[in-house]
Structure formats: structure tokens, C-alpha cells
Amino acid sequence: MQAGLTSYVPLIVMFVLAAGFALFSVTSAPYIGPRRYNRAKLDTYECGIEPSPQPVVGGGRVPVAYYLTAMLFILFDIEMVFLYPFVINIDALGLFGLVEIVLFVGTVAFAYAYVWRRGGLDWT
């Protein structure tokens, strides 16, 4: 048992060094960094545009459909990330892997059909 644990020593040392560096960086930054404060640094960042109390004429609010489309993109992008290892190891997984991937694709297809039925893909 002792010989098996020695192979983890470099990994543990790496994690300890990473945690030590992170703690050192966070705790020493206020003391080492510059202390030149001005109004621009203390304001909220608005993507380089001066914030205004009134909405921009013709702009207004961003439609929720943009955010829904972004979420759907992320959903199907993650699906592809999970499908890739299955495609690589299709021979090793056998029937069990096929059943699991059919259940996974079925769940994602159900979510897609739900969003489609609720009108999440309509640009009106």
C-alpha cells in the first residue's frame, strides 16, 4: 500500500504549490499593488460606454430570445462534448454504452422539443 501512495506525491506537491501561490497572490496584492485610485477605477465597467441614466434611443432592453438561444447553444455544445468520448470508445462500451447514449440523446431531444413547443425558437 505504501508503494502505491508514493506515486501521488508529485500530484500532491503540485496542488500544495498551486494553493500556496494562489494564497500568496491574493494576500500580497493589496500591499504590493499600486494605490492610485480615481473616479474611473471606482465606477462600474460598462464595456467602454459611458453609463447613462436613460436607455439609448432605439436600443432599449435586449430581448430574452437572445439569452435563450445562447443557453440552447451551450446545451447542445455540452451534448457534443459528452457524445465525443462515446464515439471514440464505441467498441469497448458495447450494448450498455448504446443504451446509455440513447437515453442521453432522448433526454436532450425531450428538452429541445419542450423549448420548441413553448416557442423558445420563434423570433417574433
C-alpha atoms as a PDB file:
ATOM      1  CA  MET A   1       0.000   0.000   0.000  1.00  0.00           C
ATOM      2  CA  GLN A   2       2.865   2.368   0.747  1.00  0.00           C
ATOM      3  CA  ALA A   3       4.350   1.936  -2.754  1.00  0.00           C
ATOM      4  CA  GLY A   4       1.025   2.884  -4.380  1.00  0.00           C
ATOM      5  CA  LEU A   5       0.754   6.144  -2.441  1.00  0.00           C
ATOM      6  CA  THR A   6       4.230   7.348  -3.381  1.00  0.00           C
ATOM      7  CA  SER A   7       3.129   7.811  -6.983  1.00  0.00           C
ATOM      8  CA  TYR A   8       0.714  10.521  -5.792  1.00  0.00           C
ATOM      9  CA  VAL A   9       3.402  12.612  -4.081  1.00  0.00           C
ATOM     10  CA  PRO A  10       4.193  14.779  -7.158  1.00  0.00           C
ATOM     11  CA  LEU A  11       0.486  15.465  -7.653  1.00  0.00           C
ATOM     12  CA  ILE A  12       0.015  16.449  -4.005  1.00  0.00           C
ATOM     13  CA  VAL A  13       3.102  18.679  -4.154  1.00  0.00           C
ATOM     14  CA  MET A  14       1.717  20.378  -7.277  1.00  0.00           C
ATOM     15  CA  PHE A  15      -1.639  21.054  -5.573  1.00  0.00           C
ATOM     16  CA  VAL A  16       0.092  22.414  -2.464  1.00  0.00           C
ATOM     17  CA  LEU A  17       2.281  24.711  -4.593  1.00  0.00           C
ATOM     18  CA  ALA A  18      -0.730  25.918  -6.603  1.00  0.00           C
ATOM     19  CA  ALA A  19      -2.754  26.619  -3.458  1.00  0.00           C
ATOM     20  CA  GLY A  20       0.240  28.369  -1.856  1.00  0.00           C
ATOM     21  CA  PHE A  21       0.777  30.543  -4.923  1.00  0.00           C
ATOM     22  CA  ALA A  22      -2.921  31.459  -5.051  1.00  0.00           C
ATOM     23  CA  LEU A  23      -2.991  32.369  -1.350  1.00  0.00           C
ATOM     24  CA  PHE A  24       0.236  34.357  -1.649  1.00  0.00           C
ATOM     25  CA  SER A  25      -1.048  36.267  -4.691  1.00  0.00           C
ATOM     26  CA  VAL A  26      -4.370  37.164  -3.099  1.00  0.00           C
ATOM     27  CA  THR A  27      -2.943  38.199   0.261  1.00  0.00           C
ATOM     28  CA  SER A  28       0.052  40.146  -1.067  1.00  0.00           C
ATOM     29  CA  ALA A  29      -1.736  42.034  -3.875  1.00  0.00           C
ATOM     30  CA  PRO A  30      -3.142  44.828  -1.681  1.00  0.00           C
ATOM     31  CA  TYR A  31       0.322  45.512  -0.236  1.00  0.00           C
ATOM     32  CA  ILE A  32       2.366  45.242  -3.428  1.00  0.00           C
ATOM     33  CA  GLY A  33      -0.025  46.735  -5.998  1.00  0.00           C
ATOM     34  CA  PRO A  34      -0.372  50.420  -6.878  1.00  0.00           C
ATOM     35  CA  ARG A  35      -2.671  52.598  -4.788  1.00  0.00           C
ATOM     36  CA  ARG A  36      -3.645  55.252  -7.340  1.00  0.00           C
ATOM     37  CA  TYR A  37      -7.414  55.475  -7.076  1.00  0.00           C
ATOM     38  CA  ASN A  38      -9.502  57.698  -9.302  1.00  0.00           C
ATOM     39  CA  ARG A  39     -13.167  58.031 -10.218  1.00  0.00           C
ATOM     40  CA  ALA A  40     -12.861  55.909 -13.382  1.00  0.00           C
ATOM     41  CA  LYS A  41     -11.471  52.931 -11.470  1.00  0.00           C
ATOM     42  CA  LEU A  42     -14.240  53.055  -8.891  1.00  0.00           C
ATOM     43  CA  ASP A  43     -17.088  53.268 -11.447  1.00  0.00           C
ATOM     44  CA  THR A  44     -18.957  50.258 -12.755  1.00  0.00           C
ATOM     45  CA  TYR A  45     -17.485  48.925 -16.002  1.00  0.00           C
ATOM     46  CA  GLU A  46     -19.929  49.333 -18.874  1.00  0.00           C
ATOM     47  CA  CYS A  47     -17.929  47.896 -21.790  1.00  0.00           C
ATOM     48  CA  GLY A  48     -16.233  51.185 -22.557  1.00  0.00           C
ATOM     49  CA  ILE A  49     -19.512  53.088 -22.933  1.00  0.00           C
ATOM     50  CA  GLU A  50     -20.307  55.904 -20.562  1.00  0.00           C
ATOM     51  CA  PRO A  51     -23.283  54.798 -18.447  1.00  0.00           C
ATOM     52  CA  SER A  52     -26.377  56.935 -18.825  1.00  0.00           C
ATOM     53  CA  PRO A  53     -29.494  57.099 -16.661  1.00  0.00           C
ATOM     54  CA  GLN A  54     -31.778  56.846 -19.723  1.00  0.00           C
ATOM     55  CA  PRO A  55     -31.794  53.947 -22.203  1.00  0.00           C
ATOM     56  CA  VAL A  56     -30.242  54.593 -25.580  1.00  0.00           C
ATOM     57  CA  VAL A  57     -32.782  55.761 -28.172  1.00  0.00           C
ATOM     58  CA  GLY A  58     -33.734  52.817 -30.362  1.00  0.00           C
ATOM     59  CA  GLY A  59     -31.873  50.407 -28.103  1.00  0.00           C
ATOM     60  CA  GLY A  60     -33.845  49.609 -25.030  1.00  0.00           C
ATOM     61  CA  ARG A  61     -33.830  46.163 -23.495  1.00  0.00           C
ATOM     62  CA  VAL A  62     -32.245  43.141 -25.100  1.00  0.00           C
ATOM     63  CA  PRO A  63     -34.883  40.526 -25.977  1.00  0.00           C
ATOM     64  CA  VAL A  64     -34.908  37.396 -23.840  1.00  0.00           C
ATOM     65  CA  ALA A  65     -34.753  35.282 -27.015  1.00  0.00           C
ATOM     66  CA  TYR A  66     -31.054  36.134 -27.339  1.00  0.00           C
ATOM     67  CA  TYR A  67     -30.311  34.657 -23.925  1.00  0.00           C
ATOM     68  CA  LEU A  68     -32.479  31.621 -24.585  1.00  0.00           C
ATOM     69  CA  THR A  69     -30.646  30.982 -27.840  1.00  0.00           C
ATOM     70  CA  ALA A  70     -27.316  31.263 -26.039  1.00  0.00           C
ATOM     71  CA  MET A  71     -28.453  28.766 -23.411  1.00  0.00           C
ATOM     72  CA  LEU A  72     -29.614  26.339 -26.097  1.00  0.00           C
ATOM     73  CA  PHE A  73     -26.267  26.683 -27.837  1.00  0.00           C
ATOM     74  CA  ILE A  74     -24.479  25.842 -24.593  1.00  0.00           C
ATOM     75  CA  LEU A  75     -26.811  22.879 -24.003  1.00  0.00           C
ATOM     76  CA  PHE A  76     -26.115  21.319 -27.395  1.00  0.00           C
ATOM     77  CA  ASP A  77     -22.435  22.185 -27.214  1.00  0.00           C
ATOM     78  CA  ILE A  78     -22.173  20.264 -23.947  1.00  0.00           C
ATOM     79  CA  GLU A  79     -24.088  17.416 -25.544  1.00  0.00           C
ATOM     80  CA  MET A  80     -21.401  17.163 -28.214  1.00  0.00           C
ATOM     81  CA  VAL A  81     -18.704  17.132 -25.532  1.00  0.00           C
ATOM     82  CA  PHE A  82     -20.421  14.150 -23.879  1.00  0.00           C
ATOM     83  CA  LEU A  83     -21.005  12.354 -27.176  1.00  0.00           C
ATOM     84  CA  TYR A  84     -17.376  12.543 -28.323  1.00  0.00           C
ATOM     85  CA  PRO A  85     -15.953  10.017 -25.786  1.00  0.00           C
ATOM     86  CA  PHE A  86     -18.767   7.617 -26.668  1.00  0.00           C
ATOM     87  CA  VAL A  87     -17.852   7.763 -30.343  1.00  0.00           C
ATOM     88  CA  ILE A  88     -14.184   7.129 -29.527  1.00  0.00           C
ATOM     89  CA  ASN A  89     -14.922   4.113 -27.269  1.00  0.00           C
ATOM     90  CA  ILE A  90     -17.955   2.666 -29.044  1.00  0.00           C
ATOM     91  CA  ASP A  91     -16.434  -0.817 -29.313  1.00  0.00           C
ATOM     92  CA  ALA A  92     -15.424  -1.017 -25.642  1.00  0.00           C
ATOM     93  CA  LEU A  93     -18.798   0.167 -24.307  1.00  0.00           C
ATOM     94  CA  GLY A  94     -20.942  -2.291 -26.225  1.00  0.00           C
ATOM     95  CA  LEU A  95     -24.686  -2.546 -25.666  1.00  0.00           C
ATOM     96  CA  PHE A  96     -24.563  -0.813 -22.278  1.00  0.00           C
ATOM     97  CA  GLY A  97     -22.974   2.265 -23.840  1.00  0.00           C
ATOM     98  CA  LEU A  98     -25.526   2.268 -26.643  1.00  0.00           C
ATOM     99  CA  VAL A  99     -28.447   2.186 -24.186  1.00  0.00           C
ATOM    100  CA  GLU A 100     -26.907   4.968 -22.090  1.00  0.00           C
ATOM    101  CA  ILE A 101     -26.265   7.213 -25.083  1.00  0.00           C
ATOM    102  CA  VAL A 102     -29.800   6.629 -26.429  1.00  0.00           C
ATOM    103  CA  LEU A 103     -31.176   7.683 -23.022  1.00  0.00           C
ATOM    104  CA  PHE A 104     -28.911  10.749 -23.031  1.00  0.00           C
ATOM    105  CA  VAL A 105     -29.874  11.818 -26.546  1.00  0.00           C
ATOM    106  CA  GLY A 106     -33.528  11.149 -25.718  1.00  0.00           C
ATOM    107  CA  THR A 107     -33.339  13.438 -22.690  1.00  0.00           C
ATOM    108  CA  VAL A 108     -31.744  16.213 -24.727  1.00  0.00           C
ATOM    109  CA  ALA A 109     -34.296  15.695 -27.528  1.00  0.00           C
ATOM    110  CA  PHE A 110     -37.097  15.993 -24.964  1.00  0.00           C
ATOM    111  CA  ALA A 111     -35.638  19.297 -23.738  1.00  0.00           C
ATOM    112  CA  TYR A 112     -35.317  20.531 -27.318  1.00  0.00           C
ATOM    113  CA  ALA A 113     -38.934  19.569 -28.099  1.00  0.00           C
ATOM    114  CA  TYR A 114     -40.113  21.304 -24.929  1.00  0.00           C
ATOM    115  CA  VAL A 115     -38.349  24.541 -25.845  1.00  0.00           C
ATOM    116  CA  TRP A 116     -39.619  24.321 -29.415  1.00  0.00           C
ATOM    117  CA  ARG A 117     -43.210  23.717 -28.258  1.00  0.00           C
ATOM    118  CA  ARG A 118     -43.052  26.632 -25.805  1.00  0.00           C
ATOM    119  CA  GLY A 119     -41.970  28.954 -28.640  1.00  0.00           C
ATOM    120  CA  GLY A 120     -38.406  29.489 -27.490  1.00  0.00           C
ATOM    121  CA  LEU A 121     -37.103  29.250 -31.037  1.00  0.00           C
ATOM    122  CA  ASP A 122     -39.617  31.682 -32.596  1.00  0.00           C
ATOM    123  CA  TRP A 123     -38.268  35.141 -33.387  1.00  0.00           C
ATOM    124  CA  THR A 124     -41.364  37.290 -33.132  1.00  0.00           C
END
